[in-house]
PDB file of N, CA and C in Angstrom:
ATOM      1  N   MET A   1       0.849  -1.170   0.000  1.00  0.00           N
ATOM      2  CA  MET A   1       0.000   0.000   0.000  1.00  0.00           C
ATOM      3  C   MET A   1       0.900   1.240   0.000  1.00  0.00           C
ATOM      4  N   THR A   2       0.487   2.250  -0.719  1.00  0.00           N
ATOM      5  CA  THR A   2       1.273   3.475  -0.811  1.00  0.00           C
ATOM      6  C   THR A   2       0.781   4.522   0.188  1.00  0.00           C
ATOM      7  N   ALA A   3       1.614   5.506   0.415  1.00  0.00           N
ATOM      8  CA  ALA A   3       1.272   6.602   1.328  1.00  0.00           C
ATOM      9  C   ALA A   3       0.079   7.382   0.782  1.00  0.00           C
ATOM     10  N   PHE A   4      -0.675   7.988   1.694  1.00  0.00           N
ATOM     11  CA  PHE A   4      -1.818   8.809   1.297  1.00  0.00           C
ATOM     12  C   PHE A   4      -1.977   9.957   2.283  1.00  0.00           C
ATOM     13  N   ASN A   5      -2.664  10.998   1.854  1.00  0.00           N
ATOM     14  CA  ASN A   5      -2.878  12.180   2.686  1.00  0.00           C
ATOM     15  C   ASN A   5      -4.288  12.193   3.258  1.00  0.00           C
ATOM     16  N   ILE A   6      -4.393  12.725   4.479  1.00  0.00           N
ATOM     17  CA  ILE A   6      -5.689  12.935   5.119  1.00  0.00           C
ATOM     18  C   ILE A   6      -5.706  14.346   5.688  1.00  0.00           C
ATOM     19  N   GLU A   7      -6.885  14.833   5.971  1.00  0.00           N
ATOM     20  CA  GLU A   7      -7.017  16.138   6.608  1.00  0.00           C
ATOM     21  C   GLU A   7      -7.774  15.962   7.916  1.00  0.00           C
ATOM     22  N   ILE A   8      -7.243  16.576   8.981  1.00  0.00           N
ATOM     23  CA  ILE A   8      -7.919  16.539  10.277  1.00  0.00           C
ATOM     24  C   ILE A   8      -8.031  17.953  10.823  1.00  0.00           C
ATOM     25  N   ASP A   9      -8.881  18.118  11.825  1.00  0.00           N
ATOM     26  CA  ASP A   9      -8.991  19.390  12.532  1.00  0.00           C
ATOM     27  C   ASP A   9      -8.130  19.319  13.785  1.00  0.00           C
ATOM     28  N   HIS A  10      -7.337  20.357  13.988  1.00  0.00           N
ATOM     29  CA  HIS A  10      -6.492  20.445  15.183  1.00  0.00           C
ATOM     30  C   HIS A  10      -6.513  21.888  15.666  1.00  0.00           C
ATOM     31  N   ASN A  11      -7.048  22.096  16.862  1.00  0.00           N
ATOM     32  CA  ASN A  11      -7.172  23.452  17.419  1.00  0.00           C
ATOM     33  C   ASN A  11      -7.903  24.386  16.457  1.00  0.00           C
ATOM     34  N   ASP A  12      -9.029  23.918  15.934  1.00  0.00           N
ATOM     35  CA  ASP A  12      -9.864  24.696  15.009  1.00  0.00           C
ATOM     36  C   ASP A  12      -9.149  25.072  13.719  1.00  0.00           C
ATOM     37  N   GLN A  13      -8.180  24.277  13.328  1.00  0.00           N
ATOM     38  CA  GLN A  13      -7.436  24.518  12.099  1.00  0.00           C
ATOM     39  C   GLN A  13      -7.322  23.202  11.339  1.00  0.00           C
ATOM     40  N   ALA A  14      -7.583  23.229  10.031  1.00  0.00           N
ATOM     41  CA  ALA A  14      -7.440  22.029   9.208  1.00  0.00           C
ATOM     42  C   ALA A  14      -5.963  21.834   8.879  1.00  0.00           C
ATOM     43  N   ILE A  15      -5.470  20.625   9.107  1.00  0.00           N
ATOM     44  CA  ILE A  15      -4.089  20.308   8.748  1.00  0.00           C
ATOM     45  C   ILE A  15      -4.074  19.028   7.921  1.00  0.00           C
ATOM     46  N   THR A  16      -3.082  18.920   7.062  1.00  0.00           N
ATOM     47  CA  THR A  16      -2.922  17.745   6.221  1.00  0.00           C
ATOM     48  C   THR A  16      -1.795  16.886   6.772  1.00  0.00           C
ATOM     49  N   LEU A  17      -2.075  15.611   6.921  1.00  0.00           N
ATOM     50  CA  LEU A  17      -1.095  14.637   7.384  1.00  0.00           C
ATOM     51  C   LEU A  17      -0.880  13.601   6.291  1.00  0.00           C
ATOM     52  N   THR A  18       0.322  13.086   6.199  1.00  0.00           N
ATOM     53  CA  THR A  18       0.610  11.974   5.305  1.00  0.00           C
ATOM     54  C   THR A  18       0.654  10.706   6.145  1.00  0.00           C
ATOM     55  N   ILE A  19      -0.042   9.689   5.672  1.00  0.00           N
ATOM     56  CA  ILE A  19      -0.086   8.391   6.347  1.00  0.00           C
ATOM     57  C   ILE A  19       0.756   7.413   5.529  1.00  0.00           C
ATOM     58  N   ILE A  20       1.733   6.794   6.185  1.00  0.00           N
ATOM     59  CA  ILE A  20       2.606   5.828   5.517  1.00  0.00           C
ATOM     60  C   ILE A  20       2.340   4.450   6.114  1.00  0.00           C
ATOM     61  N   PRO A  21       1.679   3.582   5.348  1.00  0.00           N
ATOM     62  CA  PRO A  21       1.396   2.232   5.850  1.00  0.00           C
ATOM     63  C   PRO A  21       2.680   1.409   5.993  1.00  0.00           C
ATOM     64  N   LYS A  22       2.820   0.727   7.109  1.00  0.00           N
ATOM     65  CA  LYS A  22       3.907  -0.209   7.343  1.00  0.00           C
ATOM     66  C   LYS A  22       3.270  -1.585   7.548  1.00  0.00           C
ATOM     67  N   ALA A  23       4.067  -2.577   7.871  1.00  0.00           N
ATOM     68  CA  ALA A  23       3.559  -3.945   7.997  1.00  0.00           C
ATOM     69  C   ALA A  23       2.416  -4.058   9.000  1.00  0.00           C
ATOM     70  N   ASP A  24       2.562  -3.453  10.184  1.00  0.00           N
ATOM     71  CA  ASP A  24       1.516  -3.608  11.199  1.00  0.00           C
ATOM     72  C   ASP A  24       1.132  -2.297  11.886  1.00  0.00           C
ATOM     73  N   TYR A  25       1.548  -1.171  11.315  1.00  0.00           N
ATOM     74  CA  TYR A  25       1.151   0.127  11.863  1.00  0.00           C
ATOM     75  C   TYR A  25       1.184   1.189  10.769  1.00  0.00           C
ATOM     76  N   PHE A  26       0.745   2.387  11.103  1.00  0.00           N
ATOM     77  CA  PHE A  26       0.702   3.496  10.157  1.00  0.00           C
ATOM     78  C   PHE A  26       1.497   4.668  10.721  1.00  0.00           C
ATOM     79  N   LYS A  27       2.530   5.111   9.979  1.00  0.00           N
ATOM     80  CA  LYS A  27       3.287   6.294  10.383  1.00  0.00           C
ATOM     81  C   LYS A  27       2.462   7.533  10.063  1.00  0.00           C
ATOM     82  N   ILE A  28       2.563   8.531  10.923  1.00  0.00           N
ATOM     83  CA  ILE A  28       1.859   9.795  10.739  1.00  0.00           C
ATOM     84  C   ILE A  28       2.916  10.873  10.535  1.00  0.00           C
ATOM     85  N   VAL A  29       2.867  11.538   9.381  1.00  0.00           N
ATOM     86  CA  VAL A  29       3.884  12.515   9.010  1.00  0.00           C
ATOM     87  C   VAL A  29       3.234  13.876   8.828  1.00  0.00           C
ATOM     88  N   TYR A  30       3.886  14.898   9.373  1.00  0.00           N
ATOM     89  CA  TYR A  30       3.409  16.276   9.247  1.00  0.00           C
ATOM     90  C   TYR A  30       4.574  17.141   8.788  1.00  0.00           C
ATOM     91  N   LEU A  31       4.394  17.836   7.678  1.00  0.00           N
ATOM     92  CA  LEU A  31       5.426  18.710   7.112  1.00  0.00           C
ATOM     93  C   LEU A  31       6.754  17.982   6.917  1.00  0.00           C
ATOM     94  N   GLY A  32       6.685  16.713   6.517  1.00  0.00           N
ATOM     95  CA  GLY A  32       7.883  15.931   6.241  1.00  0.00           C
ATOM     96  C   GLY A  32       8.564  15.332   7.452  1.00  0.00           C
ATOM     97  N   ASP A  33       8.031  15.573   8.645  1.00  0.00           N
ATOM     98  CA  ASP A  33       8.619  15.039   9.870  1.00  0.00           C
ATOM     99  C   ASP A  33       7.689  14.002  10.501  1.00  0.00           C
ATOM    100  N   LEU A  34       8.276  13.032  11.168  1.00  0.00           N
ATOM    101  CA  LEU A  34       7.517  11.967  11.810  1.00  0.00           C
ATOM    102  C   LEU A  34       6.829  12.484  13.064  1.00  0.00           C
ATOM    103  N   LEU A  35       5.509  12.436  13.057  1.00  0.00           N
ATOM    104  CA  LEU A  35       4.724  12.891  14.203  1.00  0.00           C
ATOM    105  C   LEU A  35       4.461  11.748  15.184  1.00  0.00           C
ATOM    106  N   GLY A  36       4.283  10.543  14.655  1.00  0.00           N
ATOM    107  CA  GLY A  36       3.997   9.380  15.485  1.00  0.00           C
ATOM    108  C   GLY A  36       3.523   8.235  14.619  1.00  0.00           C
ATOM    109  N   ALA A  37       2.933   7.240  15.258  1.00  0.00           N
ATOM    110  CA  ALA A  37       2.391   6.091  14.534  1.00  0.00           C
ATOM    111  C   ALA A  37       1.279   5.472  15.370  1.00  0.00           C
ATOM    112  N   ILE A  38       0.304   4.909  14.668  1.00  0.00           N
ATOM    113  CA  ILE A  38      -0.783   4.208  15.341  1.00  0.00           C
ATOM    114  C   ILE A  38      -0.953   2.833  14.708  1.00  0.00           C
ATOM    115  N   LYS A  39      -1.529   1.930  15.483  1.00  0.00           N
ATOM    116  CA  LYS A  39      -1.859   0.613  14.935  1.00  0.00           C
ATOM    117  C   LYS A  39      -3.184   0.163  15.515  1.00  0.00           C
ATOM    118  N   LYS A  40      -3.834  -0.703  14.749  1.00  0.00           N
ATOM    119  CA  LYS A  40      -5.115  -1.238  15.189  1.00  0.00           C
ATOM    120  C   LYS A  40      -4.854  -2.481  16.022  1.00  0.00           C
ATOM    121  N   GLN A  41      -5.459  -2.499  17.200  1.00  0.00           N
ATOM    122  CA  GLN A  41      -5.346  -3.646  18.090  1.00  0.00           C
ATOM    123  C   GLN A  41      -6.765  -4.066  18.436  1.00  0.00           C
ATOM    124  N   GLU A  42      -7.204  -5.141  17.792  1.00  0.00           N
ATOM    125  CA  GLU A  42      -8.592  -5.587  17.842  1.00  0.00           C
ATOM    126  C   GLU A  42      -9.468  -4.466  17.289  1.00  0.00           C
ATOM    127  N   SER A  43     -10.368  -3.886  18.072  1.00  0.00           N
ATOM    128  CA  SER A  43     -11.228  -2.825  17.530  1.00  0.00           C
ATOM    129  C   SER A  43     -10.733  -1.428  17.909  1.00  0.00           C
ATOM    130  N   ASP A  44      -9.623  -1.353  18.650  1.00  0.00           N
ATOM    131  CA  ASP A  44      -9.092  -0.062  19.095  1.00  0.00           C
ATOM    132  C   ASP A  44      -7.847   0.327  18.305  1.00  0.00           C
ATOM    133  N   TRP A  45      -7.600   1.624  18.237  1.00  0.00           N
ATOM    134  CA  TRP A  45      -6.373   2.153  17.656  1.00  0.00           C
ATOM    135  C   TRP A  45      -5.516   2.675  18.797  1.00  0.00           C
ATOM    136  N   ILE A  46      -4.228   2.320  18.786  1.00  0.00           N
ATOM    137  CA  ILE A  46      -3.337   2.765  19.851  1.00  0.00           C
ATOM    138  C   ILE A  46      -2.161   3.550  19.267  1.00  0.00           C
ATOM    139  N   LEU A  47      -1.706   4.520  20.029  1.00  0.00           N
ATOM    140  CA  LEU A  47      -0.543   5.319  19.669  1.00  0.00           C
ATOM    141  C   LEU A  47       0.702   4.563  20.108  1.00  0.00           C
ATOM    142  N   LEU A  48       1.640   4.367  19.188  1.00  0.00           N
ATOM    143  CA  LEU A  48       2.866   3.651  19.517  1.00  0.00           C
ATOM    144  C   LEU A  48       3.842   4.560  20.249  1.00  0.00           C
ATOM    145  N   LYS A  49       4.679   3.962  21.075  1.00  0.00           N
ATOM    146  CA  LYS A  49       5.757   4.695  21.727  1.00  0.00           C
ATOM    147  C   LYS A  49       6.844   4.972  20.690  1.00  0.00           C
ATOM    148  N   ALA A  50       7.603   6.023  20.899  1.00  0.00           N
ATOM    149  CA  ALA A  50       8.642   6.422  19.943  1.00  0.00           C
ATOM    150  C   ALA A  50       9.605   5.276  19.630  1.00  0.00           C
ATOM    151  N   GLU A  51       9.978   4.493  20.638  1.00  0.00           N
ATOM    152  CA  GLU A  51      10.936   3.407  20.420  1.00  0.00           C
ATOM    153  C   GLU A  51      10.344   2.236  19.631  1.00  0.00           C
ATOM    154  N   GLU A  52       9.039   2.214  19.431  1.00  0.00           N
ATOM    155  CA  GLU A  52       8.389   1.155  18.655  1.00  0.00           C
ATOM    156  C   GLU A  52       8.294   1.502  17.172  1.00  0.00           C
ATOM    157  N   ILE A  53       8.705   2.710  16.805  1.00  0.00           N
ATOM    158  CA  ILE A  53       8.565   3.193  15.430  1.00  0.00           C
ATOM    159  C   ILE A  53       9.928   3.222  14.759  1.00  0.00           C
ATOM    160  N   GLU A  54      10.016   2.614  13.578  1.00  0.00           N
ATOM    161  CA  GLU A  54      11.229   2.690  12.771  1.00  0.00           C
ATOM    162  C   GLU A  54      11.158   3.993  11.974  1.00  0.00           C
ATOM    163  N   PRO A  55      11.980   5.003  12.311  1.00  0.00           N
ATOM    164  CA  PRO A  55      11.839   6.303  11.662  1.00  0.00           C
ATOM    165  C   PRO A  55      12.247   6.313  10.194  1.00  0.00           C
ATOM    166  N   GLY A  56      13.172   5.438   9.792  1.00  0.00           N
ATOM    167  CA  GLY A  56      13.631   5.472   8.410  1.00  0.00           C
ATOM    168  C   GLY A  56      14.334   6.798   8.148  1.00  0.00           C
ATOM    169  N   GLU A  57      13.953   7.475   7.075  1.00  0.00           N
ATOM    170  CA  GLU A  57      14.583   8.748   6.717  1.00  0.00           C
ATOM    171  C   GLU A  57      13.910   9.940   7.384  1.00  0.00           C
ATOM    172  N   LEU A  58      12.854   9.705   8.145  1.00  0.00           N
ATOM    173  CA  LEU A  58      12.114  10.799   8.774  1.00  0.00           C
ATOM    174  C   LEU A  58      12.737  11.185  10.112  1.00  0.00           C
ATOM    175  N   VAL A  59      12.631  12.460  10.441  1.00  0.00           N
ATOM    176  CA  VAL A  59      13.096  12.919  11.752  1.00  0.00           C
ATOM    177  C   VAL A  59      11.881  13.193  12.620  1.00  0.00           C
ATOM    178  N   PRO A  60      12.010  13.023  13.936  1.00  0.00           N
ATOM    179  CA  PRO A  60      10.869  13.304  14.816  1.00  0.00           C
ATOM    180  C   PRO A  60      10.441  14.762  14.732  1.00  0.00           C
ATOM    181  N   PHE A  61       9.140  14.984  14.773  1.00  0.00           N
ATOM    182  CA  PHE A  61       8.563  16.324  14.693  1.00  0.00           C
ATOM    183  C   PHE A  61       8.747  17.052  16.013  1.00  0.00           C
ATOM    184  N   LYS A  62       9.147  18.300  15.948  1.00  0.00           N
ATOM    185  CA  LYS A  62       9.278  19.129  17.152  1.00  0.00           C
ATOM    186  C   LYS A  62       8.294  20.287  17.074  1.00  0.00           C
ATOM    187  N   LEU A  63       8.709  21.376  16.467  1.00  0.00           N
ATOM    188  CA  LEU A  63       7.868  22.562  16.319  1.00  0.00           C
ATOM    189  C   LEU A  63       7.940  23.043  14.885  1.00  0.00           C
ATOM    190  N   THR A  64       6.897  23.703  14.434  1.00  0.00           N
ATOM    191  CA  THR A  64       6.942  24.306  13.109  1.00  0.00           C
ATOM    192  C   THR A  64       7.804  25.558  13.181  1.00  0.00           C
ATOM    193  N   GLU A  65       8.058  26.161  12.032  1.00  0.00           N
ATOM    194  CA  GLU A  65       8.850  27.391  11.991  1.00  0.00           C
ATOM    195  C   GLU A  65       8.233  28.485  12.854  1.00  0.00           C
ATOM    196  N   LYS A  66       6.925  28.492  12.982  1.00  0.00           N
ATOM    197  CA  LYS A  66       6.234  29.506  13.774  1.00  0.00           C
ATOM    198  C   LYS A  66       6.078  29.075  15.232  1.00  0.00           C
ATOM    199  N   GLY A  67       6.694  27.965  15.605  1.00  0.00           N
ATOM    200  CA  GLY A  67       6.609  27.499  16.980  1.00  0.00           C
ATOM    201  C   GLY A  67       5.330  26.745  17.291  1.00  0.00           C
ATOM    202  N   TYR A  68       4.580  26.363  16.265  1.00  0.00           N
ATOM    203  CA  TYR A  68       3.309  25.667  16.443  1.00  0.00           C
ATOM    204  C   TYR A  68       3.567  24.224  16.847  1.00  0.00           C
ATOM    205  N   HIS A  69       3.021  23.812  17.963  1.00  0.00           N
ATOM    206  CA  HIS A  69       3.192  22.447  18.453  1.00  0.00           C
ATOM    207  C   HIS A  69       1.967  21.615  18.088  1.00  0.00           C
ATOM    208  N   LEU A  70       2.194  20.461  17.544  1.00  0.00           N
ATOM    209  CA  LEU A  70       1.112  19.555  17.177  1.00  0.00           C
ATOM    210  C   LEU A  70       1.261  18.286  17.995  1.00  0.00           C
ATOM    211  N   SER A  71       0.238  17.952  18.754  1.00  0.00           N
ATOM    212  CA  SER A  71       0.282  16.739  19.561  1.00  0.00           C
ATOM    213  C   SER A  71      -0.844  15.809  19.142  1.00  0.00           C
ATOM    214  N   LEU A  72      -0.644  14.537  19.403  1.00  0.00           N
ATOM    215  CA  LEU A  72      -1.643  13.531  19.065  1.00  0.00           C
ATOM    216  C   LEU A  72      -2.418  13.158  20.320  1.00  0.00           C
ATOM    217  N   GLY A  73      -3.568  13.775  20.498  1.00  0.00           N
ATOM    218  CA  GLY A  73      -4.458  13.451  21.599  1.00  0.00           C
ATOM    219  C   GLY A  73      -5.550  12.506  21.127  1.00  0.00           C
ATOM    220  N   VAL A  74      -6.483  12.227  21.991  1.00  0.00           N
ATOM    221  CA  VAL A  74      -7.576  11.310  21.668  1.00  0.00           C
ATOM    222  C   VAL A  74      -8.369  11.805  20.460  1.00  0.00           C
ATOM    223  N   ALA A  75      -8.666  13.090  20.406  1.00  0.00           N
ATOM    224  CA  ALA A  75      -9.447  13.632  19.287  1.00  0.00           C
ATOM    225  C   ALA A  75      -8.713  13.438  17.966  1.00  0.00           C
ATOM    226  N   GLU A  76      -7.404  13.690  17.959  1.00  0.00           N
ATOM    227  CA  GLU A  76      -6.627  13.529  16.727  1.00  0.00           C
ATOM    228  C   GLU A  76      -6.519  12.062  16.330  1.00  0.00           C
ATOM    229  N   ILE A  77      -6.284  11.186  17.306  1.00  0.00           N
ATOM    230  CA  ILE A  77      -6.192   9.750  17.013  1.00  0.00           C
ATOM    231  C   ILE A  77      -7.507   9.246  16.432  1.00  0.00           C
ATOM    232  N   ASN A  78      -8.623   9.674  16.981  1.00  0.00           N
ATOM    233  CA  ASN A  78      -9.931   9.258  16.460  1.00  0.00           C
ATOM    234  C   ASN A  78     -10.131   9.730  15.028  1.00  0.00           C
ATOM    235  N   GLN A  79      -9.750  10.964  14.729  1.00  0.00           N
ATOM    236  CA  GLN A  79      -9.889  11.470  13.362  1.00  0.00           C
ATOM    237  C   GLN A  79      -8.975  10.713  12.399  1.00  0.00           C
ATOM    238  N   ILE A  80      -7.734  10.497  12.815  1.00  0.00           N
ATOM    239  CA  ILE A  80      -6.765   9.811  11.956  1.00  0.00           C
ATOM    240  C   ILE A  80      -7.189   8.365  11.713  1.00  0.00           C
ATOM    241  N   SER A  81      -7.579   7.654  12.764  1.00  0.00           N
ATOM    242  CA  SER A  81      -7.979   6.250  12.592  1.00  0.00           C
ATOM    243  C   SER A  81      -9.223   6.142  11.720  1.00  0.00           C
ATOM    244  N   GLY A  82     -10.163   7.062  11.876  1.00  0.00           N
ATOM    245  CA  GLY A  82     -11.350   7.063  11.019  1.00  0.00           C
ATOM    246  C   GLY A  82     -10.994   7.297   9.566  1.00  0.00           C
ATOM    247  N   ALA A  83     -10.073   8.222   9.315  1.00  0.00           N
ATOM    248  CA  ALA A  83      -9.648   8.501   7.940  1.00  0.00           C
ATOM    249  C   ALA A  83      -8.912   7.310   7.340  1.00  0.00           C
ATOM    250  N   ILE A  84      -8.094   6.629   8.141  1.00  0.00           N
ATOM    251  CA  ILE A  84      -7.402   5.432   7.653  1.00  0.00           C
ATOM    252  C   ILE A  84      -8.414   4.349   7.307  1.00  0.00           C
ATOM    253  N   GLU A  85      -9.372   4.106   8.187  1.00  0.00           N
ATOM    254  CA  GLU A  85     -10.385   3.082   7.916  1.00  0.00           C
ATOM    255  C   GLU A  85     -11.182   3.419   6.661  1.00  0.00           C
ATOM    256  N   ASN A  86     -11.532   4.682   6.465  1.00  0.00           N
ATOM    257  CA  ASN A  86     -12.241   5.083   5.243  1.00  0.00           C
ATOM    258  C   ASN A  86     -11.375   4.865   4.015  1.00  0.00           C
ATOM    259  N   HIS A  87     -10.091   5.143   4.118  1.00  0.00           N
ATOM    260  CA  HIS A  87      -9.184   4.957   2.984  1.00  0.00           C
ATOM    261  C   HIS A  87      -9.040   3.475   2.625  1.00  0.00           C
ATOM    262  N   LEU A  88      -9.084   2.609   3.620  1.00  0.00           N
ATOM    263  CA  LEU A  88      -8.897   1.179   3.387  1.00  0.00           C
ATOM    264  C   LEU A  88     -10.129   0.485   2.820  1.00  0.00           C
ATOM    265  N   LYS A  89     -11.274   1.156   2.826  1.00  0.00           N
ATOM    266  CA  LYS A  89     -12.512   0.537   2.316  1.00  0.00           C
ATOM    267  C   LYS A  89     -12.443   0.303   0.838  1.00  0.00           C
TER     268      LYS A  89
END
């Protein structure tokens, strides 16, 4: 499966994320940097710990040029997992 883009709402702002499918999880990329990864475990989606993710050529995301911090909370994980499930249909 190839990478695909999704759009989510974060702090009342629409942002575009790139989803990179791996063998058993999905990398989440923002502005070319690795934001995190999630995987489906039974009917739930879980956020992986940093040490569980193979970064490859991506660097971990810190702050945008404007100092904007993006975090993956429950609301973001729910939006991302829903978009992934819709893409896989």
